[in-house]
């Protein structure tokens, strides 16, 4: 299950783990104009862990999900 909210400066997607226990903590993705952050509560430390990716890194990740094992470089026409 997931939710989508549009805020002033970001689109926020929350991924909620469903199913039999144990389930993972919710993941919150904040999509800003220039970057994307991914946050998840670490129940061991009770602190939110945060990863920030540039839009280019997000595009590379999107491409990587559909490719076989290997090393790739996306060439962008500008």
PDB file of N, CA and C in Angstrom:
ATOM      1  N   UNK A   1       0.852  -1.163   0.000  1.00  0.00           N
ATOM      2  CA  UNK A   1       0.000   0.000   0.000  1.00  0.00           C
ATOM      3  C   UNK A   1       0.901   1.229   0.000  1.00  0.00           C
ATOM      4  N   UNK A   2       0.421   2.318  -0.597  1.00  0.00           N
ATOM      5  CA  UNK A   2       1.188   3.550  -0.592  1.00  0.00           C
ATOM      6  C   UNK A   2       0.253   4.746  -0.630  1.00  0.00           C
ATOM      7  N   UNK A   3       0.794   5.886  -0.223  1.00  0.00           N
ATOM      8  CA  UNK A   3       0.053   7.142  -0.295  1.00  0.00           C
ATOM      9  C   UNK A   3       0.861   8.134  -1.110  1.00  0.00           C
ATOM     10  N   UNK A   4       0.166   9.102  -1.718  1.00  0.00           N
ATOM     11  CA  UNK A   4       0.807  10.181  -2.469  1.00  0.00           C
ATOM     12  C   UNK A   4       0.207  11.490  -1.984  1.00  0.00           C
ATOM     13  N   UNK A   5       1.070  12.438  -1.631  1.00  0.00           N
ATOM     14  CA  UNK A   5       0.630  13.761  -1.209  1.00  0.00           C
ATOM     15  C   UNK A   5       1.436  14.805  -1.963  1.00  0.00           C
ATOM     16  N   UNK A   6       0.785  15.858  -2.389  1.00  0.00           N
ATOM     17  CA  UNK A   6       1.463  16.960  -3.056  1.00  0.00           C
ATOM     18  C   UNK A   6       1.549  18.131  -2.080  1.00  0.00           C
ATOM     19  N   UNK A   7       2.775  18.456  -1.687  1.00  0.00           N
ATOM     20  CA  UNK A   7       3.011  19.572  -0.789  1.00  0.00           C
ATOM     21  C   UNK A   7       3.541  20.751  -1.588  1.00  0.00           C
ATOM     22  N   UNK A   8       3.788  21.865  -0.910  1.00  0.00           N
ATOM     23  CA  UNK A   8       4.232  23.085  -1.577  1.00  0.00           C
ATOM     24  C   UNK A   8       5.473  22.866  -2.432  1.00  0.00           C
ATOM     25  N   UNK A   9       6.500  22.205  -1.882  1.00  0.00           N
ATOM     26  CA  UNK A   9       7.773  22.080  -2.585  1.00  0.00           C
ATOM     27  C   UNK A   9       8.163  20.646  -2.929  1.00  0.00           C
ATOM     28  N   UNK A  10       7.272  19.683  -2.692  1.00  0.00           N
ATOM     29  CA  UNK A  10       7.646  18.286  -2.950  1.00  0.00           C
ATOM     30  C   UNK A  10       6.407  17.425  -3.135  1.00  0.00           C
ATOM     31  N   UNK A  11       6.613  16.316  -3.831  1.00  0.00           N
ATOM     32  CA  UNK A  11       5.624  15.246  -3.859  1.00  0.00           C
ATOM     33  C   UNK A  11       6.121  14.191  -2.885  1.00  0.00           C
ATOM     34  N   UNK A  12       5.257  13.750  -1.977  1.00  0.00           N
ATOM     35  CA  UNK A  12       5.651  12.807  -0.936  1.00  0.00           C
ATOM     36  C   UNK A  12       4.918  11.486  -1.157  1.00  0.00           C
ATOM     37  N   UNK A  13       5.702  10.410  -1.316  1.00  0.00           N
ATOM     38  CA  UNK A  13       5.152   9.069  -1.463  1.00  0.00           C
ATOM     39  C   UNK A  13       5.572   8.271  -0.233  1.00  0.00           C
ATOM     40  N   UNK A  14       4.611   7.635   0.415  1.00  0.00           N
ATOM     41  CA  UNK A  14       4.906   6.793   1.567  1.00  0.00           C
ATOM     42  C   UNK A  14       4.558   5.358   1.211  1.00  0.00           C
ATOM     43  N   UNK A  15       5.536   4.462   1.349  1.00  0.00           N
ATOM     44  CA  UNK A  15       5.352   3.040   1.075  1.00  0.00           C
ATOM     45  C   UNK A  15       5.127   2.326   2.402  1.00  0.00           C
ATOM     46  N   UNK A  16       4.012   1.626   2.509  1.00  0.00           N
ATOM     47  CA  UNK A  16       3.636   0.954   3.746  1.00  0.00           C
ATOM     48  C   UNK A  16       3.733  -0.546   3.511  1.00  0.00           C
ATOM     49  N   UNK A  17       4.587  -1.210   4.295  1.00  0.00           N
ATOM     50  CA  UNK A  17       4.796  -2.643   4.151  1.00  0.00           C
ATOM     51  C   UNK A  17       3.598  -3.385   4.737  1.00  0.00           C
ATOM     52  N   UNK A  18       2.977  -4.224   3.924  1.00  0.00           N
ATOM     53  CA  UNK A  18       1.827  -5.005   4.376  1.00  0.00           C
ATOM     54  C   UNK A  18       2.166  -6.480   4.303  1.00  0.00           C
ATOM     55  N   UNK A  19       1.422  -7.265   5.004  1.00  0.00           N
ATOM     56  CA  UNK A  19       1.612  -8.698   4.933  1.00  0.00           C
ATOM     57  C   UNK A  19       1.915  -9.277   6.296  1.00  0.00           C
ATOM     58  N   UNK A  20       2.284 -10.547   6.296  1.00  0.00           N
ATOM     59  CA  UNK A  20       2.563 -11.201   7.572  1.00  0.00           C
ATOM     60  C   UNK A  20       3.794 -10.598   8.245  1.00  0.00           C
ATOM     61  N   UNK A  21       3.766 -10.610   9.573  1.00  0.00           N
ATOM     62  CA  UNK A  21       4.900 -10.086  10.354  1.00  0.00           C
ATOM     63  C   UNK A  21       6.125 -10.934  10.083  1.00  0.00           C
ATOM     64  N   UNK A  22       7.314 -10.421  10.154  1.00  0.00           N
ATOM     65  CA  UNK A  22       7.615  -9.024  10.480  1.00  0.00           C
ATOM     66  C   UNK A  22       7.500  -8.125   9.247  1.00  0.00           C
ATOM     67  N   UNK A  23       7.050  -6.916   9.450  1.00  0.00           N
ATOM     68  CA  UNK A  23       6.971  -5.942   8.372  1.00  0.00           C
ATOM     69  C   UNK A  23       8.024  -4.872   8.607  1.00  0.00           C
ATOM     70  N   UNK A  24       8.453  -4.244   7.530  1.00  0.00           N
ATOM     71  CA  UNK A  24       9.461  -3.178   7.625  1.00  0.00           C
ATOM     72  C   UNK A  24       8.782  -1.860   7.969  1.00  0.00           C
ATOM     73  N   UNK A  25       9.570  -0.929   8.477  1.00  0.00           N
ATOM     74  CA  UNK A  25       9.068   0.412   8.750  1.00  0.00           C
ATOM     75  C   UNK A  25       8.680   1.075   7.436  1.00  0.00           C
ATOM     76  N   UNK A  26       7.756   2.032   7.516  1.00  0.00           N
ATOM     77  CA  UNK A  26       7.344   2.781   6.327  1.00  0.00           C
ATOM     78  C   UNK A  26       8.544   3.485   5.706  1.00  0.00           C
ATOM     79  N   UNK A  27       8.514   3.644   4.392  1.00  0.00           N
ATOM     80  CA  UNK A  27       9.536   4.391   3.658  1.00  0.00           C
ATOM     81  C   UNK A  27       8.867   5.629   3.093  1.00  0.00           C
ATOM     82  N   UNK A  28       9.482   6.789   3.316  1.00  0.00           N
ATOM     83  CA  UNK A  28       8.951   8.045   2.797  1.00  0.00           C
ATOM     84  C   UNK A  28       9.900   8.585   1.746  1.00  0.00           C
ATOM     85  N   UNK A  29       9.353   8.876   0.558  1.00  0.00           N
ATOM     86  CA  UNK A  29      10.132   9.411  -0.556  1.00  0.00           C
ATOM     87  C   UNK A  29       9.647  10.822  -0.825  1.00  0.00           C
ATOM     88  N   UNK A  30      10.554  11.780  -0.748  1.00  0.00           N
ATOM     89  CA  UNK A  30      10.245  13.183  -1.018  1.00  0.00           C
ATOM     90  C   UNK A  30      10.888  13.559  -2.339  1.00  0.00           C
ATOM     91  N   UNK A  31      10.076  13.887  -3.338  1.00  0.00           N
ATOM     92  CA  UNK A  31      10.587  14.269  -4.655  1.00  0.00           C
ATOM     93  C   UNK A  31      10.542  15.782  -4.771  1.00  0.00           C
ATOM     94  N   UNK A  32      11.718  16.396  -4.737  1.00  0.00           N
ATOM     95  CA  UNK A  32      11.868  17.838  -4.891  1.00  0.00           C
ATOM     96  C   UNK A  32      12.262  18.142  -6.332  1.00  0.00           C
ATOM     97  N   UNK A  33      12.393  19.406  -6.652  1.00  0.00           N
ATOM     98  CA  UNK A  33      12.777  19.813  -8.004  1.00  0.00           C
ATOM     99  C   UNK A  33      14.180  19.339  -8.371  1.00  0.00           C
ATOM    100  N   UNK A  34      15.109  19.344  -7.404  1.00  0.00           N
ATOM    101  CA  UNK A  34      16.511  19.055  -7.703  1.00  0.00           C
ATOM    102  C   UNK A  34      17.057  17.777  -7.066  1.00  0.00           C
ATOM    103  N   UNK A  35      16.264  17.090  -6.240  1.00  0.00           N
ATOM    104  CA  UNK A  35      16.745  15.870  -5.598  1.00  0.00           C
ATOM    105  C   UNK A  35      15.571  15.055  -5.078  1.00  0.00           C
ATOM    106  N   UNK A  36      15.883  13.850  -4.648  1.00  0.00           N
ATOM    107  CA  UNK A  36      14.906  12.950  -4.038  1.00  0.00           C
ATOM    108  C   UNK A  36      15.509  12.455  -2.736  1.00  0.00           C
ATOM    109  N   UNK A  37      14.710  12.469  -1.668  1.00  0.00           N
ATOM    110  CA  UNK A  37      15.177  11.904  -0.402  1.00  0.00           C
ATOM    111  C   UNK A  37      14.350  10.671  -0.084  1.00  0.00           C
ATOM    112  N   UNK A  38      15.005   9.696   0.531  1.00  0.00           N
ATOM    113  CA  UNK A  38      14.354   8.468   0.968  1.00  0.00           C
ATOM    114  C   UNK A  38      14.625   8.352   2.466  1.00  0.00           C
ATOM    115  N   UNK A  39      13.559   8.208   3.253  1.00  0.00           N
ATOM    116  CA  UNK A  39      13.697   8.160   4.709  1.00  0.00           C
ATOM    117  C   UNK A  39      13.010   6.923   5.267  1.00  0.00           C
ATOM    118  N   UNK A  40      13.632   6.343   6.308  1.00  0.00           N
ATOM    119  CA  UNK A  40      13.030   5.207   7.002  1.00  0.00           C
ATOM    120  C   UNK A  40      13.505   5.219   8.448  1.00  0.00           C
ATOM    121  N   UNK A  41      12.567   4.964   9.360  1.00  0.00           N
ATOM    122  CA  UNK A  41      12.903   4.874  10.781  1.00  0.00           C
ATOM    123  C   UNK A  41      13.692   3.600  11.028  1.00  0.00           C
ATOM    124  N   UNK A  42      14.819   3.722  11.737  1.00  0.00           N
ATOM    125  CA  UNK A  42      15.594   2.556  12.160  1.00  0.00           C
ATOM    126  C   UNK A  42      15.111   2.208  13.562  1.00  0.00           C
ATOM    127  N   UNK A  43      14.372   1.112  13.715  1.00  0.00           N
ATOM    128  CA  UNK A  43      13.810   0.795  15.034  1.00  0.00           C
ATOM    129  C   UNK A  43      14.862   0.460  16.088  1.00  0.00           C
ATOM    130  N   UNK A  44      16.066   0.093  15.659  1.00  0.00           N
ATOM    131  CA  UNK A  44      17.127  -0.209  16.627  1.00  0.00           C
ATOM    132  C   UNK A  44      17.637   1.033  17.315  1.00  0.00           C
ATOM    133  N   UNK A  45      17.707   2.151  16.573  1.00  0.00           N
ATOM    134  CA  UNK A  45      18.232   3.398  17.140  1.00  0.00           C
ATOM    135  C   UNK A  45      17.144   4.431  17.366  1.00  0.00           C
ATOM    136  N   UNK A  46      15.933   4.171  16.861  1.00  0.00           N
ATOM    137  CA  UNK A  46      14.813   5.103  16.916  1.00  0.00           C
ATOM    138  C   UNK A  46      15.147   6.429  16.227  1.00  0.00           C
ATOM    139  N   UNK A  47      15.990   6.364  15.197  1.00  0.00           N
ATOM    140  CA  UNK A  47      16.361   7.538  14.404  1.00  0.00           C
ATOM    141  C   UNK A  47      15.965   7.306  12.945  1.00  0.00           C
ATOM    142  N   UNK A  48      15.622   8.389  12.265  1.00  0.00           N
ATOM    143  CA  UNK A  48      15.283   8.304  10.848  1.00  0.00           C
ATOM    144  C   UNK A  48      16.569   8.340  10.036  1.00  0.00           C
ATOM    145  N   UNK A  49      16.734   7.342   9.164  1.00  0.00           N
ATOM    146  CA  UNK A  49      17.877   7.298   8.250  1.00  0.00           C
ATOM    147  C   UNK A  49      17.442   7.960   6.942  1.00  0.00           C
ATOM    148  N   UNK A  50      18.318   8.784   6.375  1.00  0.00           N
ATOM    149  CA  UNK A  50      17.946   9.548   5.184  1.00  0.00           C
ATOM    150  C   UNK A  50      19.013   9.407   4.109  1.00  0.00           C
ATOM    151  N   UNK A  51      18.562   9.173   2.877  1.00  0.00           N
ATOM    152  CA  UNK A  51      19.436   9.123   1.702  1.00  0.00           C
ATOM    153  C   UNK A  51      18.955  10.213   0.750  1.00  0.00           C
ATOM    154  N   UNK A  52      19.902  10.985   0.204  1.00  0.00           N
ATOM    155  CA  UNK A  52      19.565  12.011  -0.779  1.00  0.00           C
ATOM    156  C   UNK A  52      20.204  11.638  -2.106  1.00  0.00           C
ATOM    157  N   UNK A  53      19.386  11.637  -3.175  1.00  0.00           N
ATOM    158  CA  UNK A  53      19.874  11.325  -4.513  1.00  0.00           C
ATOM    159  C   UNK A  53      19.568  12.494  -5.434  1.00  0.00           C
ATOM    160  N   UNK A  54      20.502  12.762  -6.342  1.00  0.00           N
ATOM    161  CA  UNK A  54      20.231  13.762  -7.371  1.00  0.00           C
ATOM    162  C   UNK A  54      19.226  13.173  -8.361  1.00  0.00           C
ATOM    163  N   UNK A  55      18.630  14.017  -9.161  1.00  0.00           N
ATOM    164  CA  UNK A  55      17.703  13.552 -10.194  1.00  0.00           C
ATOM    165  C   UNK A  55      18.432  12.641 -11.180  1.00  0.00           C
ATOM    166  N   UNK A  56      19.677  12.944 -11.483  1.00  0.00           N
ATOM    167  CA  UNK A  56      20.468  12.094 -12.385  1.00  0.00           C
ATOM    168  C   UNK A  56      20.656  10.700 -11.784  1.00  0.00           C
ATOM    169  N   UNK A  57      20.954  10.630 -10.491  1.00  0.00           N
ATOM    170  CA  UNK A  57      21.100   9.324  -9.839  1.00  0.00           C
ATOM    171  C   UNK A  57      19.774   8.560  -9.860  1.00  0.00           C
ATOM    172  N   UNK A  58      18.670   9.259  -9.656  1.00  0.00           N
ATOM    173  CA  UNK A  58      17.365   8.619  -9.710  1.00  0.00           C
ATOM    174  C   UNK A  58      17.095   8.062 -11.107  1.00  0.00           C
ATOM    175  N   UNK A  59      17.434   8.826 -12.139  1.00  0.00           N
ATOM    176  CA  UNK A  59      17.268   8.353 -13.515  1.00  0.00           C
ATOM    177  C   UNK A  59      18.133   7.127 -13.782  1.00  0.00           C
ATOM    178  N   UNK A  60      19.366   7.124 -13.263  1.00  0.00           N
ATOM    179  CA  UNK A  60      20.239   5.957 -13.416  1.00  0.00           C
ATOM    180  C   UNK A  60      19.642   4.735 -12.706  1.00  0.00           C
ATOM    181  N   UNK A  61      19.101   4.933 -11.516  1.00  0.00           N
ATOM    182  CA  UNK A  61      18.480   3.837 -10.789  1.00  0.00           C
ATOM    183  C   UNK A  61      17.291   3.284 -11.563  1.00  0.00           C
ATOM    184  N   UNK A  62      16.481   4.151 -12.106  1.00  0.00           N
ATOM    185  CA  UNK A  62      15.332   3.727 -12.903  1.00  0.00           C
ATOM    186  C   UNK A  62      15.780   2.865 -14.078  1.00  0.00           C
ATOM    187  N   UNK A  63      16.821   3.287 -14.782  1.00  0.00           N
ATOM    188  CA  UNK A  63      17.345   2.511 -15.910  1.00  0.00           C
ATOM    189  C   UNK A  63      17.923   1.177 -15.437  1.00  0.00           C
ATOM    190  N   UNK A  64      18.614   1.192 -14.302  1.00  0.00           N
ATOM    191  CA  UNK A  64      19.279  -0.014 -13.802  1.00  0.00           C
ATOM    192  C   UNK A  64      18.291  -1.120 -13.457  1.00  0.00           C
ATOM    193  N   UNK A  65      17.088  -0.769 -13.091  1.00  0.00           N
ATOM    194  CA  UNK A  65      16.107  -1.780 -12.700  1.00  0.00           C
ATOM    195  C   UNK A  65      15.714  -2.685 -13.861  1.00  0.00           C
ATOM    196  N   UNK A  66      15.954  -2.247 -15.096  1.00  0.00           N
ATOM    197  CA  UNK A  66      15.570  -3.028 -16.270  1.00  0.00           C
ATOM    198  C   UNK A  66      16.753  -3.592 -17.047  1.00  0.00           C
ATOM    199  N   UNK A  67      17.952  -3.544 -16.481  1.00  0.00           N
ATOM    200  CA  UNK A  67      19.145  -3.994 -17.202  1.00  0.00           C
ATOM    201  C   UNK A  67      19.772  -5.203 -16.523  1.00  0.00           C
ATOM    202  N   UNK A  68      20.473  -6.051 -17.298  1.00  0.00           N
ATOM    203  CA  UNK A  68      21.183  -7.177 -16.691  1.00  0.00           C
ATOM    204  C   UNK A  68      22.460  -6.698 -15.994  1.00  0.00           C
ATOM    205  N   UNK A  69      23.113  -7.605 -15.315  1.00  0.00           N
ATOM    206  CA  UNK A  69      24.354  -7.314 -14.609  1.00  0.00           C
ATOM    207  C   UNK A  69      25.376  -6.706 -15.559  1.00  0.00           C
ATOM    208  N   UNK A  70      26.146  -5.712 -15.083  1.00  0.00           N
ATOM    209  CA  UNK A  70      27.158  -5.074 -15.913  1.00  0.00           C
ATOM    210  C   UNK A  70      27.446  -3.663 -15.453  1.00  0.00           C
ATOM    211  N   UNK A  71      28.279  -2.989 -16.207  1.00  0.00           N
ATOM    212  CA  UNK A  71      28.629  -1.596 -15.941  1.00  0.00           C
ATOM    213  C   UNK A  71      28.075  -0.761 -17.074  1.00  0.00           C
ATOM    214  N   UNK A  72      27.391   0.327 -16.727  1.00  0.00           N
ATOM    215  CA  UNK A  72      26.718   1.137 -17.741  1.00  0.00           C
ATOM    216  C   UNK A  72      26.980   2.616 -17.503  1.00  0.00           C
ATOM    217  N   UNK A  73      26.908   3.375 -18.564  1.00  0.00           N
ATOM    218  CA  UNK A  73      26.932   4.827 -18.480  1.00  0.00           C
ATOM    219  C   UNK A  73      25.856   5.345 -19.425  1.00  0.00           C
ATOM    220  N   UNK A  74      24.959   6.127 -18.887  1.00  0.00           N
ATOM    221  CA  UNK A  74      23.901   6.684 -19.722  1.00  0.00           C
ATOM    222  C   UNK A  74      24.425   7.950 -20.363  1.00  0.00           C
ATOM    223  N   UNK A  75      24.385   8.004 -21.666  1.00  0.00           N
ATOM    224  CA  UNK A  75      24.827   9.193 -22.396  1.00  0.00           C
ATOM    225  C   UNK A  75      23.612  10.043 -22.694  1.00  0.00           C
ATOM    226  N   UNK A  76      23.676  11.240 -22.200  1.00  0.00           N
ATOM    227  CA  UNK A  76      22.562  12.160 -22.361  1.00  0.00           C
ATOM    228  C   UNK A  76      22.859  13.162 -23.465  1.00  0.00           C
ATOM    229  N   UNK A  77      21.920  13.354 -24.343  1.00  0.00           N
ATOM    230  CA  UNK A  77      22.055  14.347 -25.392  1.00  0.00           C
ATOM    231  C   UNK A  77      21.530  15.652 -24.848  1.00  0.00           C
ATOM    232  N   UNK A  78      22.389  16.660 -24.807  1.00  0.00           N
ATOM    233  CA  UNK A  78      21.969  17.955 -24.243  1.00  0.00           C
ATOM    234  C   UNK A  78      21.986  19.027 -25.270  1.00  0.00           C
TER     235      UNK A  78
END
